[in-house]
């Protein structure tokens, strides 16, 4: 079965789901990797392998991980506001949920202060009941703690009536652990493969924000459709 009704709330991932910031993230990470003698990744590897910074850096940089993390943050936040852009169709998607009265929040592994600065920069702060970033909860995604923090802010309990929309395996795992409905956007092969392993209802898989908006419109009209993209 697929999702056949509109959500009671939606938790969005940020990078790669609503905002295009992977270029800036990758450039900062490669700069830090080179500075600390770590083999640099290509962009595909960065998108597939980078999870929470506070989980990744101790493994990747060993005893110098705090120094490396500080270096990365300096590089990224030097120009992140100028480097980010809304993904095509993202604002219209948020408008569609707002028109339906669906409460929204963000659950990201980006540093909380940086996340909120980016939301303010693109004029989206008021669209979300809360913006939960790295460091705002006890653990980062894929741990469910950030999702639970967002639900607390919304005054809602975890259930499959709440969607967690994201583009990665980290988002899928967070949704499953929190007891939410994962909704996958984008074309990450690893995420599509992982979607098959998620227990419960079939995970809706949409090509982009436009496709998700169409999916929501179909649900509003009482038409059930999978809107999944081929793998």
Foldseek 3Di string as FASTA:
>chain_A
DADQAAFLAEAEEDDPAWKPQLVLLLVLLQVLCVVQVHDRDDSLCCVAPDAQLVVPQCVRRPPCSVVSVVSSCCSSVVCRLVRMDTDPQNVVLLVLCVVVVHAYEYAYSAPQVVVCVNCVSVPNNVSHLYYHYRPNFPHHFVDLGSVVVRCVSVVHAAEQSYEYEDAHPRSLSNCLNRHYQYEHEDDSPVNVVVQVVRPDHRHQYADGNVLVSVCNVCSVVSHDDSNHDDD
